[in-house]
Amino acid sequence: MTAAWGASLGTAGKVTMLADPHLKLAEALGQVTDATVEGLGGPRAKRFSVVVDAAGKLATANWEPEGGTGLTCSKAGPDLVAAVKKAAGKA
């Protein structure tokens, strides 16, 4: 999914799009929730997105509010798309 999204934004060779299937980044950022009650089987990443520049510096961070529902921070809204395009040199 992230590869297709990156391809649609023209990020090849400029931006690396990553998923976090083992929750390592989500844990380090304090973005893990226990989704057992919701029927999703246990720990899951809260919705978030980050853009890290080539120097490893956090350029943009979007966090789902505590108790948030829906896609208030991580859907591909104009701010996140603009940040990715800027990182790819397409802004």
PDB file of N, CA and C in Angstrom:
ATOM      1  N   MET A   1       0.820  -1.183   0.000  1.00  0.00           N
ATOM      2  CA  MET A   1       0.000   0.000   0.000  1.00  0.00           C
ATOM      3  C   MET A   1       0.871   1.257   0.000  1.00  0.00           C
ATOM      4  N   THR A   2       1.907   1.295   0.863  1.00  0.00           N
ATOM      5  CA  THR A   2       2.757   2.485   0.898  1.00  0.00           C
ATOM      6  C   THR A   2       3.544   2.635  -0.396  1.00  0.00           C
ATOM      7  N   ALA A   3       3.954   1.523  -1.011  1.00  0.00           N
ATOM      8  CA  ALA A   3       4.690   1.595  -2.269  1.00  0.00           C
ATOM      9  C   ALA A   3       3.818   2.203  -3.371  1.00  0.00           C
ATOM     10  N   ALA A   4       2.573   1.787  -3.437  1.00  0.00           N
ATOM     11  CA  ALA A   4       1.657   2.322  -4.449  1.00  0.00           C
ATOM     12  C   ALA A   4       1.394   3.802  -4.222  1.00  0.00           C
ATOM     13  N   TRP A   5       1.246   4.187  -2.957  1.00  0.00           N
ATOM     14  CA  TRP A   5       1.016   5.597  -2.650  1.00  0.00           C
ATOM     15  C   TRP A   5       2.241   6.416  -3.043  1.00  0.00           C
ATOM     16  N   GLY A   6       3.440   5.910  -2.726  1.00  0.00           N
ATOM     17  CA  GLY A   6       4.667   6.601  -3.111  1.00  0.00           C
ATOM     18  C   GLY A   6       4.796   6.725  -4.616  1.00  0.00           C
ATOM     19  N   ALA A   7       4.477   5.654  -5.341  1.00  0.00           N
ATOM     20  CA  ALA A   7       4.545   5.684  -6.805  1.00  0.00           C
ATOM     21  C   ALA A   7       3.596   6.726  -7.374  1.00  0.00           C
ATOM     22  N   SER A   8       2.406   6.836  -6.777  1.00  0.00           N
ATOM     23  CA  SER A   8       1.431   7.812  -7.281  1.00  0.00           C
ATOM     24  C   SER A   8       1.886   9.249  -7.054  1.00  0.00           C
ATOM     25  N   LEU A   9       2.793   9.456  -6.078  1.00  0.00           N
ATOM     26  CA  LEU A   9       3.314  10.795  -5.790  1.00  0.00           C
ATOM     27  C   LEU A   9       4.668  11.048  -6.446  1.00  0.00           C
ATOM     28  N   GLY A  10       5.187  10.052  -7.173  1.00  0.00           N
ATOM     29  CA  GLY A  10       6.459  10.224  -7.862  1.00  0.00           C
ATOM     30  C   GLY A  10       7.656  10.272  -6.922  1.00  0.00           C
ATOM     31  N   THR A  11       7.639   9.471  -5.866  1.00  0.00           N
ATOM     32  CA  THR A  11       8.707   9.529  -4.872  1.00  0.00           C
ATOM     33  C   THR A  11       9.887   8.596  -5.159  1.00  0.00           C
ATOM     34  N   ALA A  12       9.803   7.775  -6.195  1.00  0.00           N
ATOM     35  CA  ALA A  12      10.847   6.775  -6.478  1.00  0.00           C
ATOM     36  C   ALA A  12      12.229   7.425  -6.530  1.00  0.00           C
ATOM     37  N   GLY A  13      13.163   6.877  -5.751  1.00  0.00           N
ATOM     38  CA  GLY A  13      14.523   7.388  -5.723  1.00  0.00           C
ATOM     39  C   GLY A  13      14.710   8.652  -4.900  1.00  0.00           C
ATOM     40  N   LYS A  14      13.625   9.180  -4.338  1.00  0.00           N
ATOM     41  CA  LYS A  14      13.699  10.428  -3.575  1.00  0.00           C
ATOM     42  C   LYS A  14      13.185  10.281  -2.155  1.00  0.00           C
ATOM     43  N   VAL A  15      12.142   9.486  -1.986  1.00  0.00           N
ATOM     44  CA  VAL A  15      11.509   9.296  -0.684  1.00  0.00           C
ATOM     45  C   VAL A  15      11.286   7.805  -0.494  1.00  0.00           C
ATOM     46  N   THR A  16      11.604   7.304   0.683  1.00  0.00           N
ATOM     47  CA  THR A  16      11.335   5.908   0.998  1.00  0.00           C
ATOM     48  C   THR A  16      10.060   5.840   1.821  1.00  0.00           C
ATOM     49  N   MET A  17       9.093   5.118   1.325  1.00  0.00           N
ATOM     50  CA  MET A  17       7.817   4.939   2.017  1.00  0.00           C
ATOM     51  C   MET A  17       7.912   3.651   2.816  1.00  0.00           C
ATOM     52  N   LEU A  18       7.648   3.712   4.112  1.00  0.00           N
ATOM     53  CA  LEU A  18       7.802   2.548   4.975  1.00  0.00           C
ATOM     54  C   LEU A  18       6.529   2.223   5.735  1.00  0.00           C
ATOM     55  N   ALA A  19       6.302   0.954   5.968  1.00  0.00           N
ATOM     56  CA  ALA A  19       5.246   0.478   6.865  1.00  0.00           C
ATOM     57  C   ALA A  19       5.922   0.044   8.158  1.00  0.00           C
ATOM     58  N   ASP A  20       5.151  -0.268   9.191  1.00  0.00           N
ATOM     59  CA  ASP A  20       5.691  -0.667  10.494  1.00  0.00           C
ATOM     60  C   ASP A  20       4.969  -1.921  10.973  1.00  0.00           C
ATOM     61  N   PRO A  21       5.141  -3.052  10.254  1.00  0.00           N
ATOM     62  CA  PRO A  21       4.353  -4.241  10.572  1.00  0.00           C
ATOM     63  C   PRO A  21       4.629  -4.847  11.948  1.00  0.00           C
ATOM     64  N   HIS A  22       5.789  -4.574  12.541  1.00  0.00           N
ATOM     65  CA  HIS A  22       6.115  -5.135  13.852  1.00  0.00           C
ATOM     66  C   HIS A  22       6.017  -4.107  14.977  1.00  0.00           C
ATOM     67  N   LEU A  23       5.470  -2.939  14.663  1.00  0.00           N
ATOM     68  CA  LEU A  23       5.207  -1.870  15.631  1.00  0.00           C
ATOM     69  C   LEU A  23       6.457  -1.288  16.289  1.00  0.00           C
ATOM     70  N   LYS A  24       7.619  -1.469  15.711  1.00  0.00           N
ATOM     71  CA  LYS A  24       8.853  -0.964  16.324  1.00  0.00           C
ATOM     72  C   LYS A  24       8.868   0.565  16.369  1.00  0.00           C
ATOM     73  N   LEU A  25       8.562   1.209  15.260  1.00  0.00           N
ATOM     74  CA  LEU A  25       8.527   2.673  15.243  1.00  0.00           C
ATOM     75  C   LEU A  25       7.375   3.186  16.093  1.00  0.00           C
ATOM     76  N   ALA A  26       6.210   2.575  15.946  1.00  0.00           N
ATOM     77  CA  ALA A  26       5.041   2.995  16.733  1.00  0.00           C
ATOM     78  C   ALA A  26       5.322   2.907  18.226  1.00  0.00           C
ATOM     79  N   GLU A  27       5.998   1.836  18.657  1.00  0.00           N
ATOM     80  CA  GLU A  27       6.351   1.699  20.077  1.00  0.00           C
ATOM     81  C   GLU A  27       7.309   2.798  20.503  1.00  0.00           C
ATOM     82  N   ALA A  28       8.332   3.067  19.695  1.00  0.00           N
ATOM     83  CA  ALA A  28       9.321   4.088  20.025  1.00  0.00           C
ATOM     84  C   ALA A  28       8.687   5.474  20.122  1.00  0.00           C
ATOM     85  N   LEU A  29       7.629   5.702  19.358  1.00  0.00           N
ATOM     86  CA  LEU A  29       6.947   7.005  19.355  1.00  0.00           C
ATOM     87  C   LEU A  29       5.770   7.054  20.322  1.00  0.00           C
ATOM     88  N   GLY A  30       5.525   5.958  21.051  1.00  0.00           N
ATOM     89  CA  GLY A  30       4.401   5.919  21.981  1.00  0.00           C
ATOM     90  C   GLY A  30       3.055   5.906  21.283  1.00  0.00           C
ATOM     91  N   GLN A  31       3.001   5.280  20.118  1.00  0.00           N
ATOM     92  CA  GLN A  31       1.785   5.278  19.304  1.00  0.00           C
ATOM     93  C   GLN A  31       1.177   3.883  19.158  1.00  0.00           C
ATOM     94  N   VAL A  32       1.203   3.100  20.238  1.00  0.00           N
ATOM     95  CA  VAL A  32       0.603   1.760  20.219  1.00  0.00           C
ATOM     96  C   VAL A  32      -0.593   1.754  21.156  1.00  0.00           C
ATOM     97  N   THR A  33      -1.652   1.091  20.738  1.00  0.00           N
ATOM     98  CA  THR A  33      -2.851   0.961  21.553  1.00  0.00           C
ATOM     99  C   THR A  33      -3.261  -0.508  21.597  1.00  0.00           C
ATOM    100  N   ASP A  34      -3.941  -0.904  22.639  1.00  0.00           N
ATOM    101  CA  ASP A  34      -4.459  -2.266  22.742  1.00  0.00           C
ATOM    102  C   ASP A  34      -5.838  -2.281  22.098  1.00  0.00           C
ATOM    103  N   ALA A  35      -5.931  -2.895  20.936  1.00  0.00           N
ATOM    104  CA  ALA A  35      -7.181  -2.920  20.176  1.00  0.00           C
ATOM    105  C   ALA A  35      -7.972  -4.206  20.394  1.00  0.00           C
ATOM    106  N   THR A  36      -7.666  -4.940  21.460  1.00  0.00           N
ATOM    107  CA  THR A  36      -8.383  -6.181  21.744  1.00  0.00           C
ATOM    108  C   THR A  36      -9.876  -5.929  21.899  1.00  0.00           C
ATOM    109  N   VAL A  37     -10.231  -4.884  22.620  1.00  0.00           N
ATOM    110  CA  VAL A  37     -11.641  -4.560  22.872  1.00  0.00           C
ATOM    111  C   VAL A  37     -12.383  -4.289  21.568  1.00  0.00           C
ATOM    112  N   GLU A  38     -11.708  -3.673  20.611  1.00  0.00           N
ATOM    113  CA  GLU A  38     -12.339  -3.360  19.325  1.00  0.00           C
ATOM    114  C   GLU A  38     -12.405  -4.582  18.404  1.00  0.00           C
ATOM    115  N   GLY A  39     -11.892  -5.726  18.869  1.00  0.00           N
ATOM    116  CA  GLY A  39     -11.939  -6.937  18.058  1.00  0.00           C
ATOM    117  C   GLY A  39     -10.848  -7.011  17.008  1.00  0.00           C
ATOM    118  N   LEU A  40      -9.779  -6.227  17.171  1.00  0.00           N
ATOM    119  CA  LEU A  40      -8.710  -6.226  16.180  1.00  0.00           C
ATOM    120  C   LEU A  40      -7.519  -7.078  16.600  1.00  0.00           C
ATOM    121  N   GLY A  41      -7.646  -7.842  17.691  1.00  0.00           N
ATOM    122  CA  GLY A  41      -6.661  -8.852  18.027  1.00  0.00           C
ATOM    123  C   GLY A  41      -5.473  -8.458  18.872  1.00  0.00           C
ATOM    124  N   GLY A  42      -5.444  -7.302  19.462  1.00  0.00           N
ATOM    125  CA  GLY A  42      -4.326  -6.964  20.339  1.00  0.00           C
ATOM    126  C   GLY A  42      -3.685  -5.637  19.998  1.00  0.00           C
ATOM    127  N   PRO A  43      -2.375  -5.526  20.237  1.00  0.00           N
ATOM    128  CA  PRO A  43      -1.701  -4.248  20.011  1.00  0.00           C
ATOM    129  C   PRO A  43      -1.734  -3.834  18.542  1.00  0.00           C
ATOM    130  N   ARG A  44      -2.012  -2.593  18.319  1.00  0.00           N
ATOM    131  CA  ARG A  44      -2.040  -2.010  16.971  1.00  0.00           C
ATOM    132  C   ARG A  44      -1.432  -0.623  17.037  1.00  0.00           C
ATOM    133  N   ALA A  45      -0.919  -0.152  15.929  1.00  0.00           N
ATOM    134  CA  ALA A  45      -0.424   1.221  15.862  1.00  0.00           C
ATOM    135  C   ALA A  45      -1.614   2.170  15.801  1.00  0.00           C
ATOM    136  N   LYS A  46      -1.508   3.242  16.576  1.00  0.00           N
ATOM    137  CA  LYS A  46      -2.475   4.326  16.409  1.00  0.00           C
ATOM    138  C   LYS A  46      -2.199   4.934  15.038  1.00  0.00           C
ATOM    139  N   ARG A  47      -3.151   5.641  14.500  1.00  0.00           N
ATOM    140  CA  ARG A  47      -2.915   6.274  13.206  1.00  0.00           C
ATOM    141  C   ARG A  47      -1.967   7.453  13.399  1.00  0.00           C
ATOM    142  N   PHE A  48      -0.888   7.438  12.618  1.00  0.00           N
ATOM    143  CA  PHE A  48       0.044   8.552  12.619  1.00  0.00           C
ATOM    144  C   PHE A  48       0.808   8.538  11.312  1.00  0.00           C
ATOM    145  N   SER A  49       1.413   9.640  11.001  1.00  0.00           N
ATOM    146  CA  SER A  49       2.285   9.721   9.839  1.00  0.00           C
ATOM    147  C   SER A  49       3.430  10.656  10.186  1.00  0.00           C
ATOM    148  N   VAL A  50       4.597  10.358   9.659  1.00  0.00           N
ATOM    149  CA  VAL A  50       5.758  11.211   9.860  1.00  0.00           C
ATOM    150  C   VAL A  50       6.531  11.328   8.550  1.00  0.00           C
ATOM    151  N   VAL A  51       7.183  12.453   8.371  1.00  0.00           N
ATOM    152  CA  VAL A  51       8.106  12.653   7.267  1.00  0.00           C
ATOM    153  C   VAL A  51       9.450  12.970   7.904  1.00  0.00           C
ATOM    154  N   VAL A  52      10.476  12.192   7.540  1.00  0.00           N
ATOM    155  CA  VAL A  52      11.825  12.379   8.051  1.00  0.00           C
ATOM    156  C   VAL A  52      12.697  12.799   6.876  1.00  0.00           C
ATOM    157  N   ASP A  53      13.480  13.888   7.053  1.00  0.00           N
ATOM    158  CA  ASP A  53      14.296  14.366   5.939  1.00  0.00           C
ATOM    159  C   ASP A  53      15.550  13.498   5.759  1.00  0.00           C
ATOM    160  N   ALA A  54      16.336  13.807   4.749  1.00  0.00           N
ATOM    161  CA  ALA A  54      17.508  12.998   4.407  1.00  0.00           C
ATOM    162  C   ALA A  54      18.544  12.959   5.525  1.00  0.00           C
ATOM    163  N   ALA A  55      18.551  13.961   6.384  1.00  0.00           N
ATOM    164  CA  ALA A  55      19.492  14.003   7.503  1.00  0.00           C
ATOM    165  C   ALA A  55      18.972  13.236   8.718  1.00  0.00           C
ATOM    166  N   GLY A  56      17.784  12.639   8.590  1.00  0.00           N
ATOM    167  CA  GLY A  56      17.194  11.894   9.694  1.00  0.00           C
ATOM    168  C   GLY A  56      16.420  12.761  10.667  1.00  0.00           C
ATOM    169  N   LYS A  57      16.178  14.012  10.304  1.00  0.00           N
ATOM    170  CA  LYS A  57      15.440  14.946  11.163  1.00  0.00           C
ATOM    171  C   LYS A  57      13.938  14.859  10.865  1.00  0.00           C
ATOM    172  N   LEU A  58      13.146  14.809  11.926  1.00  0.00           N
ATOM    173  CA  LEU A  58      11.695  14.773  11.769  1.00  0.00           C
ATOM    174  C   LEU A  58      11.223  16.094  11.160  1.00  0.00           C
ATOM    175  N   ALA A  59      10.626  16.022   9.978  1.00  0.00           N
ATOM    176  CA  ALA A  59      10.165  17.224   9.281  1.00  0.00           C
ATOM    177  C   ALA A  59       8.692  17.506   9.553  1.00  0.00           C
ATOM    178  N   THR A  60       7.883  16.460   9.607  1.00  0.00           N
ATOM    179  CA  THR A  60       6.447  16.599   9.814  1.00  0.00           C
ATOM    180  C   THR A  60       5.962  15.409  10.628  1.00  0.00           C
ATOM    181  N   ALA A  61       5.104  15.657  11.610  1.00  0.00           N
ATOM    182  CA  ALA A  61       4.498  14.577  12.379  1.00  0.00           C
ATOM    183  C   ALA A  61       3.011  14.865  12.544  1.00  0.00           C
ATOM    184  N   ASN A  62       2.211  13.850  12.343  1.00  0.00           N
ATOM    185  CA  ASN A  62       0.760  13.966  12.458  1.00  0.00           C
ATOM    186  C   ASN A  62       0.284  12.850  13.367  1.00  0.00           C
ATOM    187  N   TRP A  63      -0.330  13.182  14.506  1.00  0.00           N
ATOM    188  CA  TRP A  63      -0.739  12.195  15.500  1.00  0.00           C
ATOM    189  C   TRP A  63      -2.250  12.172  15.618  1.00  0.00           C
ATOM    190  N   GLU A  64      -2.825  10.974  15.671  1.00  0.00           N
ATOM    191  CA  GLU A  64      -4.251  10.824  15.936  1.00  0.00           C
ATOM    192  C   GLU A  64      -4.507  11.276  17.371  1.00  0.00           C
ATOM    193  N   PRO A  65      -5.506  12.122  17.606  1.00  0.00           N
ATOM    194  CA  PRO A  65      -5.787  12.537  18.979  1.00  0.00           C
ATOM    195  C   PRO A  65      -6.170  11.332  19.838  1.00  0.00           C
ATOM    196  N   GLU A  66      -5.856  11.392  21.126  1.00  0.00           N
ATOM    197  CA  GLU A  66      -6.206  10.302  22.044  1.00  0.00           C
ATOM    198  C   GLU A  66      -7.707  10.053  21.952  1.00  0.00           C
ATOM    199  N   GLY A  67      -8.085   8.803  21.784  1.00  0.00           N
ATOM    200  CA  GLY A  67      -9.499   8.458  21.661  1.00  0.00           C
ATOM    201  C   GLY A  67     -10.080   8.808  20.307  1.00  0.00           C
ATOM    202  N   GLY A  68      -9.228   9.223  19.374  1.00  0.00           N
ATOM    203  CA  GLY A  68      -9.705   9.633  18.056  1.00  0.00           C
ATOM    204  C   GLY A  68     -10.313   8.485  17.286  1.00  0.00           C
ATOM    205  N   THR A  69     -11.230   8.804  16.434  1.00  0.00           N
ATOM    206  CA  THR A  69     -11.829   7.807  15.555  1.00  0.00           C
ATOM    207  C   THR A  69     -11.752   8.338  14.140  1.00  0.00           C
ATOM    208  N   GLY A  70     -11.880   7.472  13.185  1.00  0.00           N
ATOM    209  CA  GLY A  70     -11.827   7.893  11.798  1.00  0.00           C
ATOM    210  C   GLY A  70     -10.397   8.106  11.353  1.00  0.00           C
ATOM    211  N   LEU A  71     -10.216   8.987  10.406  1.00  0.00           N
ATOM    212  CA  LEU A  71      -8.899   9.256   9.843  1.00  0.00           C
ATOM    213  C   LEU A  71      -8.608  10.749   9.950  1.00  0.00           C
ATOM    214  N   THR A  72      -8.408  11.234  11.154  1.00  0.00           N
ATOM    215  CA  THR A  72      -8.243  12.677  11.313  1.00  0.00           C
ATOM    216  C   THR A  72      -6.824  13.160  11.077  1.00  0.00           C
ATOM    217  N   CYS A  73      -5.819  12.265  11.096  1.00  0.00           N
ATOM    218  CA  CYS A  73      -4.459  12.754  10.904  1.00  0.00           C
ATOM    219  C   CYS A  73      -3.696  12.012   9.832  1.00  0.00           C
ATOM    220  N   SER A  74      -4.041  10.775   9.551  1.00  0.00           N
ATOM    221  CA  SER A  74      -3.162   9.981   8.702  1.00  0.00           C
ATOM    222  C   SER A  74      -3.705   9.724   7.306  1.00  0.00           C
ATOM    223  N   LYS A  75      -4.916  10.147   7.022  1.00  0.00           N
ATOM    224  CA  LYS A  75      -5.353   9.977   5.642  1.00  0.00           C
ATOM    225  C   LYS A  75      -4.556  10.940   4.772  1.00  0.00           C
ATOM    226  N   ALA A  76      -4.483  10.670   3.519  1.00  0.00           N
ATOM    227  CA  ALA A  76      -3.637  11.463   2.634  1.00  0.00           C
ATOM    228  C   ALA A  76      -4.270  12.817   2.343  1.00  0.00           C
ATOM    229  N   GLY A  77      -4.382  13.620   3.366  1.00  0.00           N
ATOM    230  CA  GLY A  77      -4.920  14.967   3.217  1.00  0.00           C
ATOM    231  C   GLY A  77      -3.905  15.887   2.580  1.00  0.00           C
ATOM    232  N   PRO A  78      -4.301  17.106   2.265  1.00  0.00           N
ATOM    233  CA  PRO A  78      -3.419  18.021   1.545  1.00  0.00           C
ATOM    234  C   PRO A  78      -2.120  18.335   2.281  1.00  0.00           C
ATOM    235  N   ASP A  79      -2.131  18.434   3.608  1.00  0.00           N
ATOM    236  CA  ASP A  79      -0.910  18.762   4.341  1.00  0.00           C
ATOM    237  C   ASP A  79       0.115  17.640   4.253  1.00  0.00           C
ATOM    238  N   LEU A  80      -0.326  16.386   4.425  1.00  0.00           N
ATOM    239  CA  LEU A  80       0.589  15.260   4.360  1.00  0.00           C
ATOM    240  C   LEU A  80       1.111  15.071   2.942  1.00  0.00           C
ATOM    241  N   VAL A  81       0.259  15.165   1.946  1.00  0.00           N
ATOM    242  CA  VAL A  81       0.692  15.037   0.556  1.00  0.00           C
ATOM    243  C   VAL A  81       1.695  16.138   0.224  1.00  0.00           C
ATOM    244  N   ALA A  82       1.451  17.359   0.684  1.00  0.00           N
ATOM    245  CA  ALA A  82       2.379  18.467   0.439  1.00  0.00           C
ATOM    246  C   ALA A  82       3.738  18.196   1.083  1.00  0.00           C
ATOM    247  N   ALA A  83       3.752  17.628   2.290  1.00  0.00           N
ATOM    248  CA  ALA A  83       5.011  17.324   2.973  1.00  0.00           C
ATOM    249  C   ALA A  83       5.800  16.263   2.220  1.00  0.00           C
ATOM    250  N   VAL A  84       5.118  15.243   1.708  1.00  0.00           N
ATOM    251  CA  VAL A  84       5.800  14.196   0.949  1.00  0.00           C
ATOM    252  C   VAL A  84       6.337  14.761  -0.362  1.00  0.00           C
ATOM    253  N   LYS A  85       5.538  15.578  -1.038  1.00  0.00           N
ATOM    254  CA  LYS A  85       5.992  16.181  -2.299  1.00  0.00           C
ATOM    255  C   LYS A  85       7.195  17.096  -2.054  1.00  0.00           C
ATOM    256  N   LYS A  86       7.175  17.848  -0.961  1.00  0.00           N
ATOM    257  CA  LYS A  86       8.300  18.724  -0.618  1.00  0.00           C
ATOM    258  C   LYS A  86       9.556  17.884  -0.387  1.00  0.00           C
ATOM    259  N   ALA A  87       9.431  16.785   0.358  1.00  0.00           N
ATOM    260  CA  ALA A  87      10.565  15.905   0.614  1.00  0.00           C
ATOM    261  C   ALA A  87      11.092  15.292  -0.674  1.00  0.00           C
ATOM    262  N   ALA A  88      10.209  15.080  -1.645  1.00  0.00           N
ATOM    263  CA  ALA A  88      10.608  14.508  -2.938  1.00  0.00           C
ATOM    264  C   ALA A  88      11.123  15.562  -3.899  1.00  0.00           C
ATOM    265  N   GLY A  89      11.107  16.833  -3.468  1.00  0.00           N
ATOM    266  CA  GLY A  89      11.560  17.914  -4.339  1.00  0.00           C
ATOM    267  C   GLY A  89      10.574  18.281  -5.411  1.00  0.00           C
ATOM    268  N   LYS A  90       9.287  17.989  -5.163  1.00  0.00           N
ATOM    269  CA  LYS A  90       8.249  18.266  -6.156  1.00  0.00           C
ATOM    270  C   LYS A  90       7.331  19.401  -5.717  1.00  0.00           C
ATOM    271  N   ALA A  91       7.652  20.079  -4.613  1.00  0.00           N
ATOM    272  CA  ALA A  91       6.779  21.138  -4.113  1.00  0.00           C
ATOM    273  C   ALA A  91       7.042  22.431  -4.849  1.00  0.00           C
TER     274      ALA A  91
END
